[in-house]
Amino acid sequence: MASLIFMTMPEGAEERRSFEELYEQYKNRAYAVAYRMLGDVHLAEDAALEAFFRLASNFSTIRKMEYHKLDYYIVITVRNAATDILRKEKKYKEQLKYTDELDSYGDDMSSYDIVELKDCISRLPQEDKDILYMRAVLELEYGEIARSLGIKPATARKRLQYARERLRKLIGEEEK
């Protein structure tokens, strides 16, 4: 992770070494602060990474700070990055209000099957409903889903896989 951050820094061996020391010293604390706010491992990693990108871009100013001010500045930067992610998550969830678009999606299904499917979907956790909706109804690619959720595309694929498995299990229970 640190190597990506270095790309945003100005050149200079001493400055790189100083930033690397700062990163090593604060990476666990940054992650902990972000995780407490977000409650999600992946989002916390993203917030910590974003905070270090911000810190790297202002490193010439930051490196001159006194220890207690630097500590405070880093925590505030992590909190701001986590708050930005929370805002994006809230906006995303507000945009995904479920409608009856499922009816038009399953033209070859009987009305009974659609009702049964809707019932199974309603019993899924909200995270599963969201990712299924984005893929099946909105027809978003994994990369687009990942960006909207603030996760990696591989994580989006796995979450979709798990959501489909839970839905299949519920449908299988309905058929018995």
Foldseek 3Di string as FASTA:
>chain_A
DLVVLCVLADDDPVLSVVLVVVCVVCVVVLLVLLCVLQVDNQLSNLLSVQLSSVCRNVVVVLVPDDPVVSVVVSSVSSVVSSVVLVVLVVVLVVVDDDDVLVCVLCVVDDPVVSVLLVVLLVPDPPLLNSLCCCCRPVVDQLCVVCVSNVGDSVVSVVSPVVSVVSSVVSVVVVVD
